[in-house]
Amino acid sequence: MTRDAALAQAAGHFDSGDFVRDLSRRVAFRTASQEPDSGPALAAYLQDEIGPSLAKLGFSFSIHPNPEPAYGPFLVASRHEGDDLPTVLMYGHGDVIRGQDKSWTCGEGPWTLAVDGERLYGRGTADNKGQHSINIAALATVLALRGQLGFNVKWLLETGEETGSPGLAAFCSAHQELLAADALIASDGPRVGRDQPTVFLGSRGVANFSLTLNLRGGGHHSGNWGGLLRNPGTVLANAIASMVDAHGVIHVQGLRPPPIPANVRTALQGLRFGDDAGDPEVDPGWGEPGLTQAERVIAWNTLEVLAYKTGNPDFPVNAIPPAAQAFMHMRFVVGTDVSRLRDVVQQHLSAHGFEGIEVSEPEVMHATRLDPDNAWVRFTLASIEQSTGKKPVLLPNLGGSLPNDVFADILGLPTVWVPHSYAACQQHAPDEHLLAPVAREALQLMTGLFWDLAAAAPGLPRR
């Protein structure tokens, strides 16, 4: 059998409806990890669906409890073909966000996969059930035609990514031998554009923290006390404005990133965002001046206000509220020191005369970025270009955040991500969908990647 035959069979897997049938079965598992009663569904997805699917491909698998008992389990699967062969660790997450059932306007709701033109609607179709289903199917295609992969594979599926991957770092720290590999190849997140195969090598980090200003025990009539009492809503709004201005520029020196490395700038040249149908219109005057679109979203830090509350927004009254609170969100790149974020923000506020604002200890997911010149990266890019006839986009890191620090820092792996969705897929919202043309192409390029890996193995770095 030839490489071309393998790619044709991968396309046939989609065209026959087999891929949609597999994904439909997986979408039906109500694995919303944010729901307190989701435990049985999360466990069933691993034990009854993914585990048996991998077992048919010659994998052994086991289910492991989460080190944090309140959260869902992990699946580890392994297919070992030889001690002298490289080992690839693959990753996915079986959990999804809440269904938001009543808000869907397309398809048949979150838990029933519905095909409408080129869109496959259903919760998890894009994030992440559709993506790891593509990778499992690509492995199956190579095995069906060649009988072997020519490399070893391990899978790690978690069920808590949508709640911040609780227990993942502890699990990987405790099971480093079980998860030992030479590289991570995984799929999550969006392509730069629907027709642009994309590879990214890490992700921006994320830090969530709150600002709280409590001034008094209750509200006071604005007619009697306005002009005499500080309004916490007004004070906190001005405090935030001192941190990030009306154009999105960060003014806290300790929250700004280091200069963009030259090879990162080179990799991002010419990339644009927001050109796909359904994408929001990019605001040209927003963000750090002097940077390109790609540099702002991939290679720079951003500070956002996620939510802001003072008084009672649903039933406002003519009273000065007693307190205000803002939930802040910072995306940051490699080289940003977030170890002292709370102190840095507190010092900035004090220096600008904003006393009494409490800064919470941030919840942090760390930033990662693999060297674009790594041999695993060069191999992946060449394979994808051969399969698609398109030069893939290389992002030094994703603009969003993934638990990639666990794989890069704890397991010590070079990390190569090949996303199979696109930016307007509406993940985390009603009407989430996977694009059929993207899924079909992804099945082919991942089949080509796995087909090529055996031949490339002698030249790939090993741990």
Protein backbone atom coordinates (compact mmCIF):
# COMPACT_ATOMS: atom_id res chain seq x y z
CA MET A 1 0.00 0.00 0.00
CA THR A 2 1.15 3.55 -0.76
CA ARG A 3 0.95 6.86 1.04
CA ASP A 4 -1.57 8.10 -1.55
CA ALA A 5 -3.76 5.09 -0.85
CA ALA A 6 -3.66 5.87 2.86
CA LEU A 7 -4.78 9.47 2.25
CA ALA A 8 -7.55 8.26 -0.04
CA GLN A 9 -8.78 5.84 2.59
CA ALA A 10 -8.74 8.62 5.21
CA ALA A 11 -10.95 10.75 2.95
CA GLY A 12 -13.19 7.73 2.39
CA HIS A 13 -13.62 7.34 6.14
CA PHE A 14 -15.23 10.77 6.15
CA ASP A 15 -17.14 10.43 2.86
CA SER A 16 -18.71 7.11 3.92
CA GLY A 17 -20.23 8.69 7.03
CA ASP A 18 -18.18 6.52 9.38
CA PHE A 19 -16.47 9.51 10.98
CA VAL A 20 -19.79 11.27 11.58
CA ARG A 21 -21.22 8.12 13.14
CA ASP A 22 -18.28 7.82 15.52
CA LEU A 23 -18.43 11.48 16.48
CA SER A 24 -22.22 11.35 16.90
CA ARG A 25 -21.86 8.55 19.43
CA ARG A 26 -19.26 10.55 21.35
CA VAL A 27 -21.17 13.83 21.34
CA ALA A 28 -24.12 12.03 22.99
CA PHE A 29 -22.10 11.56 26.19
CA ARG A 30 -23.06 14.56 28.37
CA THR A 31 -19.55 15.19 29.61
CA ALA A 32 -19.96 18.77 30.83
CA SER A 33 -17.29 18.88 33.53
CA GLN A 34 -18.64 22.16 34.90
CA GLU A 35 -21.80 20.36 36.02
CA PRO A 36 -21.58 18.83 39.51
CA ASP A 37 -23.33 15.60 38.45
CA SER A 38 -21.13 14.93 35.40
CA GLY A 39 -18.91 12.30 37.06
CA PRO A 40 -20.65 9.18 35.69
CA ALA A 41 -20.71 10.56 32.13
CA LEU A 42 -17.04 11.52 32.26
CA ALA A 43 -16.05 8.06 33.47
CA ALA A 44 -18.30 6.34 30.91
CA TYR A 45 -16.80 8.33 28.04
CA LEU A 46 -13.37 6.94 28.85
CA GLN A 47 -14.36 3.43 29.96
CA ASP A 48 -17.12 2.66 27.46
CA GLU A 49 -16.18 4.72 24.39
CA ILE A 50 -12.56 5.84 24.03
CA GLY A 51 -10.94 2.89 25.78
CA PRO A 52 -12.69 0.25 23.62
CA SER A 53 -12.06 2.32 20.47
CA LEU A 54 -8.32 2.30 21.18
CA ALA A 55 -8.35 -1.36 22.24
CA LYS A 56 -9.56 -2.27 18.74
CA LEU A 57 -6.33 -0.69 17.46
CA GLY A 58 -4.11 -2.80 19.69
CA PHE A 59 -3.83 -0.41 22.61
CA SER A 60 -3.97 -1.47 26.23
CA PHE A 61 -5.70 1.09 28.42
CA SER A 62 -6.34 1.89 32.05
CA ILE A 63 -8.50 4.39 33.89
CA HIS A 64 -6.92 6.36 36.73
CA PRO A 65 -8.62 8.42 39.44
CA ASN A 66 -7.87 12.11 39.58
CA PRO A 67 -5.45 13.15 42.36
CA GLU A 68 -8.09 15.77 43.13
CA PRO A 69 -11.02 13.48 44.05
CA ALA A 70 -13.76 15.96 43.17
CA TYR A 71 -12.82 15.85 39.47
CA GLY A 72 -12.99 13.36 36.61
CA PRO A 73 -10.57 10.52 35.82
CA PHE A 74 -7.77 10.05 33.29
CA LEU A 75 -7.32 7.44 30.58
CA VAL A 76 -3.84 6.21 29.66
CA ALA A 77 -3.47 3.91 26.64
CA SER A 78 -0.39 2.42 25.04
CA ARG A 79 0.55 0.59 21.83
CA HIS A 80 4.18 -0.53 22.02
CA GLU A 81 5.78 -1.83 18.83
CA GLY A 82 9.48 -1.79 19.73
CA ASP A 83 12.00 -0.60 22.28
CA ASP A 84 14.13 0.93 19.51
CA LEU A 85 11.27 3.02 18.10
CA PRO A 86 10.29 6.58 19.04
CA THR A 87 7.26 7.06 21.28
CA VAL A 88 4.66 9.74 20.63
CA LEU A 89 2.38 10.92 23.42
CA MET A 90 -1.05 12.06 22.23
CA TYR A 91 -3.51 14.09 24.30
CA GLY A 92 -7.15 15.04 24.26
CA HIS A 93 -9.93 15.94 26.65
CA GLY A 94 -13.28 14.21 26.82
CA ASP A 95 -15.03 16.90 28.80
CA VAL A 96 -16.94 19.81 27.30
CA ILE A 97 -18.43 22.99 28.69
CA ARG A 98 -22.09 23.26 29.69
CA GLY A 99 -24.55 22.44 26.94
CA GLN A 100 -26.51 25.72 27.18
CA ASP A 101 -29.34 23.66 25.69
CA LYS A 102 -32.01 26.37 25.43
CA SER A 103 -29.77 28.81 23.58
CA TRP A 104 -29.00 26.69 20.51
CA THR A 105 -30.45 28.04 17.27
CA CYS A 106 -28.88 25.53 14.85
CA GLY A 107 -28.70 21.77 14.74
CA GLU A 108 -30.63 19.70 17.26
CA GLY A 109 -29.13 20.93 20.52
CA PRO A 110 -25.81 20.17 22.16
CA TRP A 111 -26.08 16.40 22.63
CA THR A 112 -27.19 15.28 19.17
CA LEU A 113 -24.78 15.64 16.28
CA ALA A 114 -26.54 17.30 13.34
CA VAL A 115 -25.15 17.76 9.84
CA ASP A 116 -26.22 20.99 8.14
CA GLY A 117 -24.32 21.64 4.93
CA GLU A 118 -20.65 21.78 5.80
CA ARG A 119 -21.26 22.22 9.52
CA LEU A 120 -21.37 19.40 12.08
CA TYR A 121 -23.25 20.81 15.07
CA GLY A 122 -22.94 19.47 18.61
CA ARG A 123 -21.18 20.15 21.89
CA GLY A 124 -17.60 18.93 21.65
CA THR A 125 -17.51 18.63 17.86
CA ALA A 126 -14.75 21.25 17.79
CA ASP A 127 -13.56 21.15 21.40
CA ASN A 128 -12.28 18.47 21.73
CA LYS A 129 -14.14 15.27 20.78
CA GLY A 130 -13.99 15.97 17.07
CA GLN A 131 -10.27 16.68 17.21
CA HIS A 132 -9.17 13.57 19.09
CA SER A 133 -11.61 11.51 17.02
CA ILE A 134 -9.75 12.64 13.88
CA ASN A 135 -6.43 11.55 15.35
CA ILE A 136 -7.74 8.16 16.47
CA ALA A 137 -9.23 7.58 13.01
CA ALA A 138 -5.93 8.53 11.32
CA LEU A 139 -4.04 5.97 13.43
CA ALA A 140 -6.68 3.39 12.50
CA THR A 141 -6.21 4.13 8.79
CA VAL A 142 -2.45 3.55 8.91
CA LEU A 143 -2.89 0.34 10.90
CA ALA A 144 -5.56 -0.95 8.53
CA LEU A 145 -3.30 -0.54 5.50
CA ARG A 146 0.13 -1.31 6.92
CA GLY A 147 -0.58 -3.50 9.92
CA GLN A 148 1.78 -1.51 12.09
CA LEU A 149 2.63 2.11 12.82
CA GLY A 150 6.40 1.93 12.94
CA PHE A 151 6.48 3.90 16.20
CA ASN A 152 5.03 3.62 19.70
CA VAL A 153 2.01 5.63 20.82
CA LYS A 154 0.65 6.59 24.20
CA TRP A 155 -2.64 8.40 24.77
CA LEU A 156 -3.58 10.60 27.71
CA LEU A 157 -7.18 11.76 27.87
CA GLU A 158 -8.34 13.94 30.72
CA THR A 159 -11.87 14.94 31.71
CA GLY A 160 -11.31 18.30 33.37
CA GLU A 161 -9.76 20.63 30.81
CA GLU A 162 -12.81 22.89 30.79
CA THR A 163 -12.44 23.40 34.54
CA GLY A 164 -8.74 24.23 34.35
CA SER A 165 -7.29 20.67 34.16
CA PRO A 166 -7.37 20.04 37.93
CA GLY A 167 -5.07 17.20 38.89
CA LEU A 168 -3.36 16.99 35.49
CA ALA A 169 -0.01 18.34 36.67
CA ALA A 170 -0.04 16.17 39.77
CA PHE A 171 -1.00 13.08 37.75
CA CYS A 172 1.76 13.62 35.20
CA SER A 173 4.31 14.32 37.95
CA ALA A 174 3.39 11.06 39.66
CA HIS A 175 3.34 8.97 36.45
CA GLN A 176 6.31 10.24 34.46
CA GLU A 177 7.51 6.73 33.61
CA LEU A 178 4.03 5.64 32.49
CA LEU A 179 3.82 8.70 30.20
CA ALA A 180 7.46 8.74 29.05
CA ALA A 181 7.73 9.65 25.37
CA ASP A 182 9.91 11.45 22.85
CA ALA A 183 7.41 14.10 21.73
CA LEU A 184 3.83 15.24 22.16
CA ILE A 185 1.64 15.44 19.06
CA ALA A 186 -1.86 16.65 19.90
CA SER A 187 -4.79 18.61 18.54
CA ASP A 188 -6.84 21.38 20.12
CA GLY A 189 -7.70 24.98 19.35
CA PRO A 190 -8.28 26.62 15.96
CA ARG A 191 -6.38 27.00 12.74
CA VAL A 192 -5.44 30.52 11.75
CA GLY A 193 -8.00 30.22 8.93
CA ARG A 194 -10.31 27.47 7.87
CA ASP A 195 -8.29 26.73 4.72
CA GLN A 196 -4.87 27.12 6.37
CA PRO A 197 -3.38 24.01 7.99
CA THR A 198 -1.71 25.25 11.16
CA VAL A 199 0.92 24.05 13.60
CA PHE A 200 1.54 25.69 16.95
CA LEU A 201 4.27 24.91 19.45
CA GLY A 202 2.92 26.03 22.79
CA SER A 203 0.46 28.51 24.18
CA ARG A 204 0.21 31.82 25.94
CA GLY A 205 -0.23 31.50 29.65
CA VAL A 206 -3.25 32.79 31.51
CA ALA A 207 -3.63 34.44 34.90
CA ASN A 208 -7.07 35.11 36.39
CA PHE A 209 -7.42 37.43 39.37
CA SER A 210 -9.99 39.74 40.92
CA LEU A 211 -9.97 43.32 42.17
CA THR A 212 -12.34 44.04 45.06
CA LEU A 213 -13.10 47.35 46.76
CA ASN A 214 -15.32 47.24 49.85
CA LEU A 215 -15.92 50.73 51.28
CA ARG A 216 -18.85 50.34 53.68
CA GLY A 217 -21.52 48.01 54.96
CA GLY A 218 -24.44 49.10 52.78
CA GLY A 219 -25.70 51.47 50.12
CA HIS A 220 -26.57 55.13 50.86
CA HIS A 221 -29.07 57.38 49.10
CA SER A 222 -27.29 59.29 46.34
CA GLY A 223 -29.39 62.42 46.94
CA ASN A 224 -28.30 62.63 50.56
CA TRP A 225 -24.72 61.40 50.23
CA GLY A 226 -23.66 61.91 46.62
CA GLY A 227 -20.58 64.12 46.57
CA LEU A 228 -19.61 63.08 50.07
CA LEU A 229 -19.04 59.34 49.77
CA ARG A 230 -16.59 57.64 47.48
CA ASN A 231 -18.31 55.49 44.90
CA PRO A 232 -16.46 52.14 44.72
CA GLY A 233 -17.69 51.55 41.18
CA THR A 234 -16.15 54.79 40.00
CA VAL A 235 -12.93 54.30 41.95
CA LEU A 236 -12.42 50.75 40.69
CA ALA A 237 -13.16 51.76 37.08
CA ASN A 238 -10.45 54.40 37.28
CA ALA A 239 -8.05 51.95 38.91
CA ILE A 240 -8.53 49.54 36.00
CA ALA A 241 -8.04 52.40 33.54
CA SER A 242 -4.67 53.10 35.12
CA MET A 243 -3.68 49.47 34.41
CA VAL A 244 -4.99 49.10 30.85
CA ASP A 245 -6.13 52.11 28.82
CA ALA A 246 -9.03 52.72 26.46
CA HIS A 247 -7.01 51.23 23.58
CA GLY A 248 -6.08 48.00 25.37
CA VAL A 249 -2.48 49.03 26.11
CA ILE A 250 -1.06 47.68 29.38
CA HIS A 251 0.45 50.38 31.62
CA VAL A 252 1.71 48.18 34.46
CA GLN A 253 5.36 47.67 33.58
CA GLY A 254 5.56 44.36 35.43
CA LEU A 255 2.72 42.93 33.33
CA ARG A 256 4.29 43.77 29.99
CA PRO A 257 6.24 41.09 28.08
CA PRO A 258 9.88 41.08 27.02
CA PRO A 259 10.71 42.12 23.44
CA ILE A 260 9.46 39.75 20.74
CA PRO A 261 12.26 37.38 19.60
CA ALA A 262 13.39 37.78 16.00
CA ASN A 263 12.48 34.22 14.98
CA VAL A 264 8.99 34.68 16.41
CA ARG A 265 8.51 37.89 14.41
CA THR A 266 9.71 36.06 11.31
CA ALA A 267 7.27 33.19 11.81
CA LEU A 268 4.35 35.63 12.19
CA GLN A 269 5.07 37.78 9.14
CA GLY A 270 2.08 38.25 6.87
CA LEU A 271 -0.45 36.47 9.10
CA ARG A 272 -3.88 38.03 9.41
CA PHE A 273 -6.82 37.26 11.66
CA GLY A 274 -10.55 37.76 11.23
CA ASP A 275 -10.79 37.03 7.49
CA ASP A 276 -12.99 33.91 7.70
CA ALA A 277 -16.77 34.13 7.32
CA GLY A 278 -18.30 34.46 10.77
CA ASP A 279 -15.20 35.99 12.33
CA PRO A 280 -15.71 39.23 14.27
CA GLU A 281 -14.34 42.37 12.64
CA VAL A 282 -10.89 43.18 14.03
CA ASP A 283 -10.64 46.59 15.72
CA PRO A 284 -7.66 48.29 14.02
CA GLY A 285 -6.90 50.75 16.84
CA TRP A 286 -6.92 48.20 19.65
CA GLY A 287 -3.84 46.81 21.35
CA GLU A 288 -0.15 47.59 21.62
CA PRO A 289 0.87 50.17 18.99
CA GLY A 290 3.51 49.24 16.46
CA LEU A 291 2.63 45.54 16.38
CA THR A 292 1.00 43.51 13.65
CA GLN A 293 -2.27 41.65 14.22
CA ALA A 294 -0.42 38.39 14.66
CA GLU A 295 2.09 39.85 17.09
CA ARG A 296 -0.67 41.28 19.26
CA VAL A 297 -2.56 38.01 19.64
CA ILE A 298 0.34 35.53 19.57
CA ALA A 299 3.49 37.29 20.84
CA TRP A 300 2.25 39.94 23.31
CA ASN A 301 0.40 40.17 26.61
CA THR A 302 -3.21 41.29 26.97
CA LEU A 303 -5.13 42.37 30.06
CA GLU A 304 -8.90 42.00 29.91
CA VAL A 305 -11.90 42.77 32.13
CA LEU A 306 -14.04 39.63 32.08
CA ALA A 307 -16.77 40.87 34.38
CA TYR A 308 -17.52 43.93 36.49
CA LYS A 309 -20.11 44.31 39.22
CA THR A 310 -21.21 47.13 41.47
CA GLY A 311 -24.63 47.71 42.96
CA ASN A 312 -27.41 45.58 41.46
CA PRO A 313 -27.19 45.69 37.64
CA ASP A 314 -30.56 43.94 37.24
CA PHE A 315 -32.42 46.32 39.57
CA PRO A 316 -30.44 49.56 39.92
CA VAL A 317 -31.49 51.92 42.70
CA ASN A 318 -30.60 55.54 43.46
CA ALA A 319 -27.94 54.67 45.99
CA ILE A 320 -24.16 54.75 46.17
CA PRO A 321 -23.17 51.07 46.27
CA PRO A 322 -20.99 49.80 49.09
CA ALA A 323 -18.61 47.68 46.99
CA ALA A 324 -17.34 46.89 43.50
CA GLN A 325 -15.55 43.90 42.03
CA ALA A 326 -13.83 43.20 38.72
CA PHE A 327 -12.64 39.86 37.37
CA MET A 328 -9.41 40.34 35.42
CA HIS A 329 -7.78 38.06 32.89
CA MET A 330 -4.24 38.26 31.52
CA ARG A 331 -2.85 36.26 28.61
CA PHE A 332 0.94 36.27 28.67
CA VAL A 333 3.86 34.95 26.64
CA VAL A 334 7.04 33.12 27.58
CA GLY A 335 9.42 35.41 29.49
CA THR A 336 6.74 37.19 31.51
CA ASP A 337 7.31 36.83 35.26
CA VAL A 338 3.91 36.20 36.82
CA SER A 339 5.28 34.86 40.11
CA ARG A 340 4.80 38.29 41.71
CA LEU A 341 1.70 39.38 39.78
CA ARG A 342 -0.34 40.11 42.89
CA ASP A 343 2.42 42.25 44.42
CA VAL A 344 3.08 44.05 41.14
CA VAL A 345 -0.58 45.00 40.74
CA GLN A 346 -0.91 46.04 44.39
CA GLN A 347 2.18 48.24 44.15
CA HIS A 348 0.91 49.85 40.94
CA LEU A 349 -2.46 50.67 42.51
CA SER A 350 -0.85 52.12 45.62
CA ALA A 351 1.53 54.23 43.55
CA HIS A 352 -1.47 55.68 41.68
CA GLY A 353 -3.40 56.51 44.85
CA PHE A 354 -5.85 53.59 44.78
CA GLU A 355 -5.79 52.31 48.33
CA GLY A 356 -7.98 49.60 49.78
CA ILE A 357 -8.38 47.53 46.61
CA GLU A 358 -7.85 43.85 47.37
CA VAL A 359 -6.00 41.88 44.68
CA SER A 360 -6.63 38.14 44.78
CA GLU A 361 -3.90 35.56 44.33
CA PRO A 362 -3.99 34.70 40.61
CA GLU A 363 -4.85 31.30 39.16
CA VAL A 364 -2.09 30.68 36.62
CA MET A 365 -1.50 28.40 33.65
CA HIS A 366 2.06 28.93 32.44
CA ALA A 367 3.21 29.94 28.95
CA THR A 368 5.23 27.63 26.70
CA ARG A 369 6.93 27.91 23.32
CA LEU A 370 9.02 25.26 21.51
CA ASP A 371 11.93 26.37 19.32
CA PRO A 372 10.54 26.57 15.75
CA ASP A 373 13.77 24.97 14.49
CA ASN A 374 13.17 21.72 16.40
CA ALA A 375 13.41 18.60 14.21
CA TRP A 376 9.92 17.39 15.22
CA VAL A 377 8.56 20.72 13.97
CA ARG A 378 10.37 20.52 10.64
CA PHE A 379 9.14 16.95 10.14
CA THR A 380 5.53 17.89 10.89
CA LEU A 381 5.52 20.91 8.58
CA ALA A 382 7.01 18.93 5.68
CA SER A 383 4.53 16.06 6.08
CA ILE A 384 1.49 18.36 6.19
CA GLU A 385 2.65 20.27 3.12
CA GLN A 386 3.10 17.02 1.21
CA SER A 387 -0.40 15.85 2.16
CA THR A 388 -2.28 19.09 1.48
CA GLY A 389 -0.19 20.90 -1.12
CA LYS A 390 -0.34 23.91 1.20
CA LYS A 391 2.46 25.43 3.25
CA PRO A 392 1.17 25.20 6.81
CA VAL A 393 1.10 28.23 9.08
CA LEU A 394 3.57 27.94 11.94
CA LEU A 395 2.62 29.73 15.16
CA PRO A 396 5.34 29.79 17.83
CA ASN A 397 2.49 29.57 20.31
CA LEU A 398 -1.28 29.69 20.38
CA GLY A 399 -2.97 32.92 21.41
CA GLY A 400 -5.16 30.97 23.81
CA SER A 401 -4.06 28.77 26.68
CA LEU A 402 -3.70 25.02 27.06
CA PRO A 403 -2.12 22.89 29.80
CA ASN A 404 0.95 22.54 27.57
CA ASP A 405 3.25 23.45 30.45
CA VAL A 406 2.49 20.02 31.91
CA PHE A 407 3.88 18.30 28.82
CA ALA A 408 6.74 20.73 28.15
CA ASP A 409 7.92 21.36 31.70
CA ILE A 410 6.88 18.33 33.77
CA LEU A 411 7.26 15.59 31.13
CA GLY A 412 10.03 17.45 29.29
CA LEU A 413 8.64 16.90 25.80
CA PRO A 414 8.87 18.90 22.58
CA THR A 415 5.24 19.79 21.89
CA VAL A 416 3.68 19.98 18.43
CA TRP A 417 -0.01 20.85 18.11
CA VAL A 418 -2.00 20.42 14.88
CA PRO A 419 -5.46 22.01 15.36
CA HIS A 420 -8.50 20.80 13.43
CA SER A 421 -11.00 23.59 14.13
CA TYR A 422 -11.31 27.25 13.12
CA ALA A 423 -11.81 30.47 15.03
CA ALA A 424 -15.54 30.88 14.32
CA CYS A 425 -16.50 27.37 15.46
CA GLN A 426 -18.47 28.80 18.41
CA GLN A 427 -16.81 26.56 20.95
CA HIS A 428 -17.85 27.49 24.50
CA ALA A 429 -21.07 28.94 23.02
CA PRO A 430 -24.35 27.66 21.61
CA ASP A 431 -24.19 26.24 18.06
CA GLU A 432 -20.67 24.82 18.40
CA HIS A 433 -19.67 23.09 15.17
CA LEU A 434 -16.89 21.38 13.27
CA LEU A 435 -16.42 22.19 9.59
CA ALA A 436 -16.73 19.14 7.35
CA PRO A 437 -14.06 20.28 4.84
CA VAL A 438 -11.59 20.93 7.66
CA ALA A 439 -12.32 17.57 9.29
CA ARG A 440 -11.87 15.72 6.00
CA GLU A 441 -8.58 17.46 5.27
CA ALA A 442 -7.42 16.89 8.86
CA LEU A 443 -8.08 13.15 8.54
CA GLN A 444 -5.81 13.09 5.51
CA LEU A 445 -2.99 15.22 6.88
CA MET A 446 -2.87 13.33 10.19
CA THR A 447 -2.88 10.02 8.31
CA GLY A 448 0.01 11.32 6.22
CA LEU A 449 1.82 12.46 9.37
CA PHE A 450 1.54 9.04 10.98
CA TRP A 451 2.44 7.31 7.71
CA ASP A 452 5.61 9.40 7.41
CA LEU A 453 6.68 9.11 11.03
CA ALA A 454 8.00 5.56 10.70
CA ALA A 455 10.38 6.51 7.89
CA ALA A 456 11.45 9.73 9.64
CA ALA A 457 12.02 8.06 13.01
CA PRO A 458 15.80 7.55 12.72
CA GLY A 459 16.35 11.28 12.22
CA LEU A 460 14.06 12.50 15.01
CA PRO A 461 15.56 13.41 18.41
CA ARG A 462 14.90 11.00 21.25
CA ARG A 463 14.82 11.57 24.96
